PDB file of all heavy atoms in Angstrom:
ATOM      1  N   GLU A   1       0.839  -1.202   0.035  1.00  0.00           N
ATOM      2  CA  GLU A   1      -0.009   0.018  -0.037  1.00  0.00           C
ATOM      3  C   GLU A   1       0.836   1.240  -0.035  1.00  0.00           C
ATOM      4  O   GLU A   1       0.628   2.219  -0.748  1.00  0.00           O
ATOM      5  CB  GLU A   1      -0.942   0.002   1.225  1.00  0.00           C
ATOM      6  CG  GLU A   1      -1.806   1.209   1.381  1.00  0.00           C
ATOM      7  CD  GLU A   1      -2.641   1.177   2.639  1.00  0.00           C
ATOM      8  OE1 GLU A   1      -2.038   1.356   3.679  1.00  0.00           O
ATOM      9  OE2 GLU A   1      -3.860   0.983   2.585  1.00  0.00           O
ATOM     10  N   PHE A   2       1.911   1.289   0.796  1.00  0.00           N
ATOM     11  CA  PHE A   2       2.796   2.411   0.932  1.00  0.00           C
ATOM     12  C   PHE A   2       3.515   2.588  -0.343  1.00  0.00           C
ATOM     13  O   PHE A   2       3.702   3.740  -0.764  1.00  0.00           O
ATOM     14  CB  PHE A   2       3.746   2.065   2.132  1.00  0.00           C
ATOM     15  CG  PHE A   2       4.653   3.184   2.482  1.00  0.00           C
ATOM     16  CD1 PHE A   2       4.335   4.184   3.402  1.00  0.00           C
ATOM     17  CD2 PHE A   2       5.939   3.279   1.930  1.00  0.00           C
ATOM     18  CE1 PHE A   2       5.162   5.147   3.780  1.00  0.00           C
ATOM     19  CE2 PHE A   2       6.867   4.288   2.255  1.00  0.00           C
ATOM     20  CZ  PHE A   2       6.484   5.268   3.194  1.00  0.00           C
ATOM     21  N   TYR A   3       3.984   1.488  -0.931  1.00  0.00           N
ATOM     22  CA  TYR A   3       4.755   1.623  -2.180  1.00  0.00           C
ATOM     23  C   TYR A   3       3.882   2.158  -3.368  1.00  0.00           C
ATOM     24  O   TYR A   3       4.339   3.104  -4.076  1.00  0.00           O
ATOM     25  CB  TYR A   3       5.247   0.204  -2.536  1.00  0.00           C
ATOM     26  CG  TYR A   3       6.034   0.080  -3.834  1.00  0.00           C
ATOM     27  CD1 TYR A   3       7.247   0.542  -4.029  1.00  0.00           C
ATOM     28  CD2 TYR A   3       5.320  -0.468  -4.995  1.00  0.00           C
ATOM     29  CE1 TYR A   3       7.955   0.445  -5.244  1.00  0.00           C
ATOM     30  CE2 TYR A   3       5.951  -0.675  -6.165  1.00  0.00           C
ATOM     31  CZ  TYR A   3       7.293  -0.175  -6.348  1.00  0.00           C
ATOM     32  OH  TYR A   3       7.883  -0.292  -7.576  1.00  0.00           O
ATOM     33  N   TRP A   4       2.767   1.696  -3.476  1.00  0.00           N
ATOM     34  CA  TRP A   4       1.829   2.132  -4.526  1.00  0.00           C
ATOM     35  C   TRP A   4       1.424   3.637  -4.335  1.00  0.00           C
ATOM     36  O   TRP A   4       1.408   4.380  -5.354  1.00  0.00           O
ATOM     37  CB  TRP A   4       0.519   1.256  -4.604  1.00  0.00           C
ATOM     38  CG  TRP A   4       0.789  -0.163  -4.863  1.00  0.00           C
ATOM     39  CD1 TRP A   4       1.894  -0.720  -5.521  1.00  0.00           C
ATOM     40  CD2 TRP A   4      -0.049  -1.258  -4.502  1.00  0.00           C
ATOM     41  NE1 TRP A   4       1.727  -2.043  -5.631  1.00  0.00           N
ATOM     42  CE2 TRP A   4       0.559  -2.499  -5.007  1.00  0.00           C
ATOM     43  CE3 TRP A   4      -1.263  -1.382  -3.747  1.00  0.00           C
ATOM     44  CZ2 TRP A   4       0.016  -3.719  -4.788  1.00  0.00           C
ATOM     45  CZ3 TRP A   4      -1.815  -2.627  -3.629  1.00  0.00           C
ATOM     46  CH2 TRP A   4      -1.178  -3.792  -4.114  1.00  0.00           C
ATOM     47  N   LEU A   5       1.178   3.967  -3.096  1.00  0.00           N
ATOM     48  CA  LEU A   5       0.818   5.392  -2.792  1.00  0.00           C
ATOM     49  C   LEU A   5       1.931   6.334  -3.129  1.00  0.00           C
ATOM     50  O   LEU A   5       1.662   7.392  -3.772  1.00  0.00           O
ATOM     51  CB  LEU A   5       0.431   5.486  -1.295  1.00  0.00           C
ATOM     52  CG  LEU A   5       0.115   6.828  -0.750  1.00  0.00           C
ATOM     53  CD1 LEU A   5      -1.142   7.437  -1.368  1.00  0.00           C
ATOM     54  CD2 LEU A   5       0.060   6.904   0.734  1.00  0.00           C
ATOM     55  N   ASN A   6       3.128   6.010  -2.802  1.00  0.00           N
ATOM     56  CA  ASN A   6       4.269   6.963  -3.014  1.00  0.00           C
ATOM     57  C   ASN A   6       4.683   6.910  -4.499  1.00  0.00           C
ATOM     58  O   ASN A   6       5.401   7.854  -4.914  1.00  0.00           O
ATOM     59  CB  ASN A   6       5.345   6.698  -2.068  1.00  0.00           C
ATOM     60  CG  ASN A   6       5.079   7.190  -0.683  1.00  0.00           C
ATOM     61  OD1 ASN A   6       5.337   8.396  -0.402  1.00  0.00           O
ATOM     62  ND2 ASN A   6       4.643   6.307   0.206  1.00  0.00           N
ATOM     63  N   LYS A   7       4.386   5.853  -5.183  1.00  0.00           N
ATOM     64  CA  LYS A   7       4.606   5.902  -6.653  1.00  0.00           C
ATOM     65  C   LYS A   7       3.644   6.855  -7.276  1.00  0.00           C
ATOM     66  O   LYS A   7       3.964   7.617  -8.250  1.00  0.00           O
ATOM     67  CB  LYS A   7       4.405   4.524  -7.219  1.00  0.00           C
ATOM     68  CG  LYS A   7       5.593   3.579  -7.086  1.00  0.00           C
ATOM     69  CD  LYS A   7       6.738   3.884  -7.965  1.00  0.00           C
ATOM     70  CE  LYS A   7       7.785   2.864  -7.930  1.00  0.00           C
ATOM     71  NZ  LYS A   7       8.932   3.078  -8.867  1.00  0.00           N
ATOM     72  N   ALA A   8       2.314   6.779  -6.937  1.00  0.00           N
ATOM     73  CA  ALA A   8       1.335   7.643  -7.488  1.00  0.00           C
ATOM     74  C   ALA A   8       1.406   9.119  -7.012  1.00  0.00           C
ATOM     75  O   ALA A   8       1.060   9.970  -7.819  1.00  0.00           O
ATOM     76  CB  ALA A   8      -0.060   7.049  -7.106  1.00  0.00           C
ATOM     77  N   ASP A   9       1.900   9.315  -5.842  1.00  0.00           N
ATOM     78  CA  ASP A   9       1.977  10.642  -5.271  1.00  0.00           C
ATOM     79  C   ASP A   9       3.264  10.855  -4.637  1.00  0.00           C
ATOM     80  O   ASP A   9       3.406  10.848  -3.423  1.00  0.00           O
ATOM     81  CB  ASP A   9       0.777  10.847  -4.281  1.00  0.00           C
ATOM     82  CG  ASP A   9       0.735  12.272  -3.731  1.00  0.00           C
ATOM     83  OD1 ASP A   9       1.154  13.193  -4.421  1.00  0.00           O
ATOM     84  OD2 ASP A   9       0.313  12.360  -2.509  1.00  0.00           O
ATOM     85  N   PRO A  10       4.310  11.086  -5.434  1.00  0.00           N
ATOM     86  CA  PRO A  10       5.650  11.275  -4.866  1.00  0.00           C
ATOM     87  C   PRO A  10       5.876  12.507  -4.094  1.00  0.00           C
ATOM     88  O   PRO A  10       5.251  13.526  -4.381  1.00  0.00           O
ATOM     89  CB  PRO A  10       6.588  11.065  -6.025  1.00  0.00           C
ATOM     90  CG  PRO A  10       5.780  11.588  -7.166  1.00  0.00           C
ATOM     91  CD  PRO A  10       4.356  11.160  -6.865  1.00  0.00           C
ATOM     92  N   SER A  11       6.777  12.550  -3.193  1.00  0.00           N
ATOM     93  CA  SER A  11       7.193  13.664  -2.382  1.00  0.00           C
ATOM     94  C   SER A  11       7.950  14.625  -3.241  1.00  0.00           C
ATOM     95  O   SER A  11       8.841  14.226  -3.999  1.00  0.00           O
ATOM     96  CB  SER A  11       8.003  13.317  -1.203  1.00  0.00           C
ATOM     97  OG  SER A  11       8.474  14.405  -0.452  1.00  0.00           O
ATOM     98  N   ASN A  12       7.624  15.917  -3.093  1.00  0.00           N
ATOM     99  CA  ASN A  12       8.415  16.961  -3.809  1.00  0.00           C
ATOM    100  C   ASN A  12       8.060  18.340  -3.243  1.00  0.00           C
ATOM    101  O   ASN A  12       6.922  18.772  -3.369  1.00  0.00           O
ATOM    102  CB  ASN A  12       8.126  16.913  -5.310  1.00  0.00           C
ATOM    103  CG  ASN A  12       9.001  17.851  -6.118  1.00  0.00           C
ATOM    104  OD1 ASN A  12       9.957  18.447  -5.558  1.00  0.00           O
ATOM    105  ND2 ASN A  12       8.827  17.888  -7.417  1.00  0.00           N
ATOM    106  N   SER A  13       8.971  18.913  -2.537  1.00  0.00           N
ATOM    107  CA  SER A  13       8.721  20.154  -1.875  1.00  0.00           C
ATOM    108  C   SER A  13       8.920  21.306  -2.845  1.00  0.00           C
ATOM    109  O   SER A  13       9.996  21.488  -3.403  1.00  0.00           O
ATOM    110  CB  SER A  13       9.675  20.316  -0.678  1.00  0.00           C
ATOM    111  OG  SER A  13       9.474  21.593  -0.067  1.00  0.00           O
ATOM    112  N   HIS A  14       7.842  22.150  -2.979  1.00  0.00           N
ATOM    113  CA  HIS A  14       7.907  23.347  -3.848  1.00  0.00           C
ATOM    114  C   HIS A  14       8.725  24.419  -3.254  1.00  0.00           C
ATOM    115  O   HIS A  14       9.437  25.147  -3.996  1.00  0.00           O
ATOM    116  CB  HIS A  14       6.510  23.857  -4.114  1.00  0.00           C
ATOM    117  CG  HIS A  14       6.425  25.084  -4.931  1.00  0.00           C
ATOM    118  ND1 HIS A  14       6.590  25.074  -6.265  1.00  0.00           N
ATOM    119  CD2 HIS A  14       6.108  26.382  -4.621  1.00  0.00           C
ATOM    120  CE1 HIS A  14       6.482  26.212  -6.818  1.00  0.00           C
ATOM    121  NE2 HIS A  14       6.185  27.075  -5.782  1.00  0.00           N
ATOM    122  N   ALA A  15       8.687  24.584  -1.933  1.00  0.00           N
ATOM    123  CA  ALA A  15       9.488  25.605  -1.273  1.00  0.00           C
ATOM    124  C   ALA A  15       9.951  25.007   0.082  1.00  0.00           C
ATOM    125  O   ALA A  15       9.033  24.649   0.945  1.00  0.00           O
ATOM    126  CB  ALA A  15       8.682  26.868  -1.031  1.00  0.00           C
ATOM    127  N   ARG A  16      11.218  24.908   0.263  1.00  0.00           N
ATOM    128  CA  ARG A  16      11.703  24.331   1.502  1.00  0.00           C
ATOM    129  C   ARG A  16      11.895  25.406   2.615  1.00  0.00           C
ATOM    130  O   ARG A  16      11.725  25.161   3.782  1.00  0.00           O
ATOM    131  CB  ARG A  16      12.992  23.623   1.218  1.00  0.00           C
ATOM    132  CG  ARG A  16      13.693  22.973   2.422  1.00  0.00           C
ATOM    133  CD  ARG A  16      12.908  21.836   3.045  1.00  0.00           C
ATOM    134  NE  ARG A  16      13.647  21.300   4.128  1.00  0.00           N
ATOM    135  CZ  ARG A  16      13.594  21.812   5.443  1.00  0.00           C
ATOM    136  NH1 ARG A  16      12.875  22.854   5.611  1.00  0.00           N
ATOM    137  NH2 ARG A  16      14.249  21.245   6.354  1.00  0.00           N
ATOM    138  N   ILE A  17      12.273  26.608   2.193  1.00  0.00           N
ATOM    139  CA  ILE A  17      12.468  27.766   3.090  1.00  0.00           C
ATOM    140  C   ILE A  17      11.731  28.967   2.673  1.00  0.00           C
ATOM    141  O   ILE A  17      11.757  29.372   1.537  1.00  0.00           O
ATOM    142  CB  ILE A  17      14.002  28.072   3.141  1.00  0.00           C
ATOM    143  CG1 ILE A  17      14.874  26.893   3.519  1.00  0.00           C
ATOM    144  CG2 ILE A  17      14.231  29.203   4.207  1.00  0.00           C
ATOM    145  CD1 ILE A  17      14.704  26.290   4.891  1.00  0.00           C
ATOM    146  N   ILE A  18      11.011  29.567   3.619  1.00  0.00           N
ATOM    147  CA  ILE A  18      10.328  30.815   3.308  1.00  0.00           C
ATOM    148  C   ILE A  18      10.778  31.901   4.330  1.00  0.00           C
ATOM    149  O   ILE A  18      11.349  31.604   5.409  1.00  0.00           O
ATOM    150  CB  ILE A  18       8.811  30.725   3.373  1.00  0.00           C
ATOM    151  CG1 ILE A  18       8.319  30.228   4.735  1.00  0.00           C
ATOM    152  CG2 ILE A  18       8.330  29.709   2.310  1.00  0.00           C
ATOM    153  CD1 ILE A  18       6.840  30.216   4.936  1.00  0.00           C
ATOM    154  N   GLU A  19      10.530  33.141   3.964  1.00  0.00           N
ATOM    155  CA  GLU A  19      10.852  34.291   4.850  1.00  0.00           C
ATOM    156  C   GLU A  19       9.909  35.445   4.387  1.00  0.00           C
ATOM    157  O   GLU A  19       9.231  35.343   3.412  1.00  0.00           O
ATOM    158  CB  GLU A  19      12.345  34.616   4.765  1.00  0.00           C
ATOM    159  CG  GLU A  19      12.771  35.043   3.345  1.00  0.00           C
ATOM    160  CD  GLU A  19      14.269  35.411   3.363  1.00  0.00           C
ATOM    161  OE1 GLU A  19      14.921  35.454   4.357  1.00  0.00           O
ATOM    162  OE2 GLU A  19      14.759  35.742   2.207  1.00  0.00           O
ATOM    163  N   ASN A  20      10.031  36.548   5.069  1.00  0.00           N
ATOM    164  CA  ASN A  20       9.297  37.769   4.712  1.00  0.00           C
ATOM    165  C   ASN A  20       7.843  37.476   4.473  1.00  0.00           C
ATOM    166  O   ASN A  20       7.251  37.852   3.422  1.00  0.00           O
ATOM    167  CB  ASN A  20       9.937  38.415   3.534  1.00  0.00           C
ATOM    168  CG  ASN A  20      11.323  38.916   3.736  1.00  0.00           C
ATOM    169  OD1 ASN A  20      11.672  39.329   4.829  1.00  0.00           O
ATOM    170  ND2 ASN A  20      12.222  38.772   2.769  1.00  0.00           N
ATOM    171  N   ARG A  21       7.265  36.762   5.422  1.00  0.00           N
ATOM    172  CA  ARG A  21       5.801  36.477   5.351  1.00  0.00           C
ATOM    173  C   ARG A  21       5.338  35.733   4.130  1.00  0.00           C
ATOM    174  O   ARG A  21       4.436  36.088   3.429  1.00  0.00           O
ATOM    175  CB  ARG A  21       5.031  37.781   5.566  1.00  0.00           C
ATOM    176  CG  ARG A  21       5.384  38.589   6.785  1.00  0.00           C
ATOM    177  CD  ARG A  21       4.324  39.584   7.142  1.00  0.00           C
ATOM    178  NE  ARG A  21       3.094  38.852   7.534  1.00  0.00           N
ATOM    179  CZ  ARG A  21       1.892  39.400   7.408  1.00  0.00           C
ATOM    180  NH1 ARG A  21       1.712  40.665   7.025  1.00  0.00           N
ATOM    181  NH2 ARG A  21       0.848  38.671   7.742  1.00  0.00           N
ATOM    182  N   GLY A  22       5.965  34.570   3.884  1.00  0.00           N
ATOM    183  CA  GLY A  22       5.497  33.626   2.902  1.00  0.00           C
ATOM    184  C   GLY A  22       6.223  33.593   1.628  1.00  0.00           C
ATOM    185  O   GLY A  22       5.903  32.860   0.716  1.00  0.00           O
ATOM    186  N   LYS A  23       7.292  34.389   1.487  1.00  0.00           N
ATOM    187  CA  LYS A  23       8.080  34.360   0.296  1.00  0.00           C
ATOM    188  C   LYS A  23       9.180  33.338   0.263  1.00  0.00           C
ATOM    189  O   LYS A  23       9.827  33.202   1.316  1.00  0.00           O
ATOM    190  CB  LYS A  23       8.699  35.766  -0.020  1.00  0.00           C
ATOM    191  CG  LYS A  23       7.619  36.878  -0.168  1.00  0.00           C
ATOM    192  CD  LYS A  23       8.305  38.208  -0.402  1.00  0.00           C
ATOM    193  CE  LYS A  23       7.288  39.355  -0.567  1.00  0.00           C
ATOM    194  NZ  LYS A  23       7.882  40.678  -0.682  1.00  0.00           N
ATOM    195  N   GLN A  24       9.361  32.616  -0.854  1.00  0.00           N
ATOM    196  CA  GLN A  24      10.411  31.661  -0.870  1.00  0.00           C
ATOM    197  C   GLN A  24      11.785  32.267  -0.788  1.00  0.00           C
ATOM    198  O   GLN A  24      12.040  33.368  -1.358  1.00  0.00           O
ATOM    199  CB  GLN A  24      10.336  30.839  -2.108  1.00  0.00           C
ATOM    200  CG  GLN A  24      11.290  29.622  -2.221  1.00  0.00           C
ATOM    201  CD  GLN A  24      11.064  28.861  -3.412  1.00  0.00           C
ATOM    202  OE1 GLN A  24      10.352  29.142  -4.351  1.00  0.00           O
ATOM    203  NE2 GLN A  24      11.721  27.616  -3.431  1.00  0.00           N
ATOM    204  N   LEU A  25      12.704  31.697   0.012  1.00  0.00           N
ATOM    205  CA  LEU A  25      14.043  32.174   0.095  1.00  0.00           C
ATOM    206  C   LEU A  25      14.676  32.235  -1.287  1.00  0.00           C
ATOM    207  O   LEU A  25      14.516  31.335  -2.088  1.00  0.00           O
ATOM    208  CB  LEU A  25      14.858  31.250   0.984  1.00  0.00           C
ATOM    209  CG  LEU A  25      16.273  31.610   1.353  1.00  0.00           C
ATOM    210  CD1 LEU A  25      16.289  32.791   2.277  1.00  0.00           C
ATOM    211  CD2 LEU A  25      17.038  30.482   1.941  1.00  0.00           C
ATOM    212  N   ALA A  26      15.419  33.323  -1.549  1.00  0.00           N
ATOM    213  CA  ALA A  26      15.856  33.615  -2.936  1.00  0.00           C
ATOM    214  C   ALA A  26      16.868  32.487  -3.382  1.00  0.00           C
ATOM    215  O   ALA A  26      16.782  32.084  -4.568  1.00  0.00           O
ATOM    216  CB  ALA A  26      16.567  34.940  -2.937  1.00  0.00           C
ATOM    217  N   ASN A  27      17.645  32.003  -2.562  1.00  0.00           N
ATOM    218  CA  ASN A  27      18.580  30.934  -2.928  1.00  0.00           C
ATOM    219  C   ASN A  27      18.180  29.516  -2.357  1.00  0.00           C
ATOM    220  O   ASN A  27      19.002  28.678  -2.152  1.00  0.00           O
ATOM    221  CB  ASN A  27      20.044  31.269  -2.492  1.00  0.00           C
ATOM    222  CG  ASN A  27      20.181  31.437  -1.001  1.00  0.00           C
ATOM    223  OD1 ASN A  27      19.155  31.315  -0.224  1.00  0.00           O
ATOM    224  ND2 ASN A  27      21.358  31.788  -0.566  1.00  0.00           N
ATOM    225  N   ASP A  28      16.887  29.415  -2.186  1.00  0.00           N
ATOM    226  CA  ASP A  28      16.335  28.068  -1.733  1.00  0.00           C
ATOM    227  C   ASP A  28      16.711  27.060  -2.802  1.00  0.00           C
ATOM    228  O   ASP A  28      16.510  27.235  -3.979  1.00  0.00           O
ATOM    229  CB  ASP A  28      14.808  28.148  -1.623  1.00  0.00           C
ATOM    230  CG  ASP A  28      14.262  26.929  -0.916  1.00  0.00           C
ATOM    231  OD1 ASP A  28      15.049  26.121  -0.289  1.00  0.00           O
ATOM    232  OD2 ASP A  28      13.046  26.741  -0.904  1.00  0.00           O
ATOM    233  N   GLY A  29      17.288  25.940  -2.419  1.00  0.00           N
ATOM    234  CA  GLY A  29      17.780  24.938  -3.309  1.00  0.00           C
ATOM    235  C   GLY A  29      19.288  24.823  -3.418  1.00  0.00           C
ATOM    236  O   GLY A  29      19.830  23.791  -3.829  1.00  0.00           O
ATOM    237  N   GLN A  30      19.942  25.926  -2.901  1.00  0.00           N
ATOM    238  CA  GLN A  30      21.457  25.851  -2.874  1.00  0.00           C
ATOM    239  C   GLN A  30      21.841  25.700  -1.420  1.00  0.00           C
ATOM    240  O   GLN A  30      21.210  26.127  -0.494  1.00  0.00           O
ATOM    241  CB  GLN A  30      21.964  27.257  -3.314  1.00  0.00           C
ATOM    242  CG  GLN A  30      21.657  27.575  -4.795  1.00  0.00           C
ATOM    243  CD  GLN A  30      22.166  28.940  -5.183  1.00  0.00           C
ATOM    244  OE1 GLN A  30      23.205  29.378  -4.659  1.00  0.00           O
ATOM    245  NE2 GLN A  30      21.559  29.585  -6.187  1.00  0.00           N
ATOM    246  N   LEU A  31      22.938  24.862  -1.232  1.00  0.00           N
ATOM    247  CA  LEU A  31      23.368  24.586   0.144  1.00  0.00           C
ATOM    248  C   LEU A  31      24.242  25.657   0.746  1.00  0.00           C
ATOM    249  O   LEU A  31      24.413  25.671   1.952  1.00  0.00           O
ATOM    250  CB  LEU A  31      24.149  23.217   0.065  1.00  0.00           C
ATOM    251  CG  LEU A  31      23.262  21.992  -0.424  1.00  0.00           C
ATOM    252  CD1 LEU A  31      24.127  20.694  -0.223  1.00  0.00           C
ATOM    253  CD2 LEU A  31      22.009  21.876   0.252  1.00  0.00           C
ATOM    254  N   THR A  32      24.787  26.524  -0.090  1.00  0.00           N
ATOM    255  CA  THR A  32      25.617  27.718   0.310  1.00  0.00           C
ATOM    256  C   THR A  32      26.739  27.342   1.370  1.00  0.00           C
ATOM    257  O   THR A  32      26.930  28.134   2.269  1.00  0.00           O
ATOM    258  CB  THR A  32      24.648  28.777   0.903  1.00  0.00           C
ATOM    259  OG1 THR A  32      24.044  28.423   2.059  1.00  0.00           O
ATOM    260  CG2 THR A  32      23.587  29.171  -0.173  1.00  0.00           C
ATOM    261  N   LEU A  33      27.356  26.240   1.162  1.00  0.00           N
ATOM    262  CA  LEU A  33      28.478  25.881   2.002  1.00  0.00           C
ATOM    263  C   LEU A  33      29.765  26.532   1.538  1.00  0.00           C
ATOM    264  O   LEU A  33      30.051  26.413   0.345  1.00  0.00           O
ATOM    265  CB  LEU A  33      28.631  24.421   2.110  1.00  0.00           C
ATOM    266  CG  LEU A  33      27.545  23.596   2.855  1.00  0.00           C
ATOM    267  CD1 LEU A  33      27.533  22.134   2.495  1.00  0.00           C
ATOM    268  CD2 LEU A  33      27.797  23.717   4.390  1.00  0.00           C
ATOM    269  N   SER A  34      30.497  27.109   2.462  1.00  0.00           N
ATOM    270  CA  SER A  34      31.800  27.548   2.081  1.00  0.00           C
ATOM    271  C   SER A  34      32.752  26.384   2.024  1.00  0.00           C
ATOM    272  O   SER A  34      32.463  25.335   2.430  1.00  0.00           O
ATOM    273  CB  SER A  34      32.346  28.535   3.123  1.00  0.00           C
ATOM    274  OG  SER A  34      32.550  27.886   4.439  1.00  0.00           O
ATOM    275  N   ARG A  35      33.924  26.647   1.367  1.00  0.00           N
ATOM    276  CA  ARG A  35      34.880  25.562   1.301  1.00  0.00           C
ATOM    277  C   ARG A  35      35.310  25.074   2.711  1.00  0.00           C
ATOM    278  O   ARG A  35      35.486  23.874   2.928  1.00  0.00           O
ATOM    279  CB  ARG A  35      36.179  26.019   0.573  1.00  0.00           C
ATOM    280  CG  ARG A  35      37.288  24.974   0.588  1.00  0.00           C
ATOM    281  CD  ARG A  35      38.350  25.332  -0.363  1.00  0.00           C
ATOM    282  NE  ARG A  35      39.478  24.319  -0.122  1.00  0.00           N
ATOM    283  CZ  ARG A  35      40.522  24.180  -1.004  1.00  0.00           C
ATOM    284  NH1 ARG A  35      40.549  24.928  -2.076  1.00  0.00           N
ATOM    285  NH2 ARG A  35      41.467  23.311  -0.702  1.00  0.00           N
ATOM    286  N   ARG A  36      35.448  26.057   3.588  1.00  0.00           N
ATOM    287  CA  ARG A  36      35.847  25.667   4.986  1.00  0.00           C
ATOM    288  C   ARG A  36      34.763  24.793   5.648  1.00  0.00           C
ATOM    289  O   ARG A  36      35.081  23.872   6.266  1.00  0.00           O
ATOM    290  CB  ARG A  36      36.031  26.904   5.803  1.00  0.00           C
ATOM    291  CG  ARG A  36      36.370  26.649   7.278  1.00  0.00           C
ATOM    292  CD  ARG A  36      36.652  27.963   8.050  1.00  0.00           C
ATOM    293  NE  ARG A  36      36.932  27.692   9.428  1.00  0.00           N
ATOM    294  CZ  ARG A  36      37.298  28.616  10.306  1.00  0.00           C
ATOM    295  NH1 ARG A  36      37.397  29.913   9.855  1.00  0.00           N
ATOM    296  NH2 ARG A  36      37.603  28.339  11.546  1.00  0.00           N
ATOM    297  N   ALA A  37      33.523  25.125   5.414  1.00  0.00           N
ATOM    298  CA  ALA A  37      32.405  24.307   5.991  1.00  0.00           C
ATOM    299  C   ALA A  37      32.363  22.911   5.399  1.00  0.00           C
ATOM    300  O   ALA A  37      32.110  21.936   6.126  1.00  0.00           O
ATOM    301  CB  ALA A  37      31.068  24.991   5.672  1.00  0.00           C
ATOM    302  N   ILE A  38      32.584  22.754   4.094  1.00  0.00           N
ATOM    303  CA  ILE A  38      32.710  21.482   3.507  1.00  0.00           C
ATOM    304  C   ILE A  38      33.848  20.634   4.056  1.00  0.00           C
ATOM    305  O   ILE A  38      33.727  19.481   4.400  1.00  0.00           O
ATOM    306  CB  ILE A  38      32.787  21.566   1.986  1.00  0.00           C
ATOM    307  CG1 ILE A  38      31.583  22.190   1.359  1.00  0.00           C
ATOM    308  CG2 ILE A  38      33.050  20.215   1.302  1.00  0.00           C
ATOM    309  CD1 ILE A  38      31.654  22.505  -0.156  1.00  0.00           C
TER     310      ILE A  38
END
């Protein structure tokens, strides 16, 4: 049941981070890690 459901309706986030009262973060989708952080 779980397998069939997630095949038919897969997970996909349209906006992961918002700010300023509902606006998507401008660089949402980028990890923005510095070389030092990596």
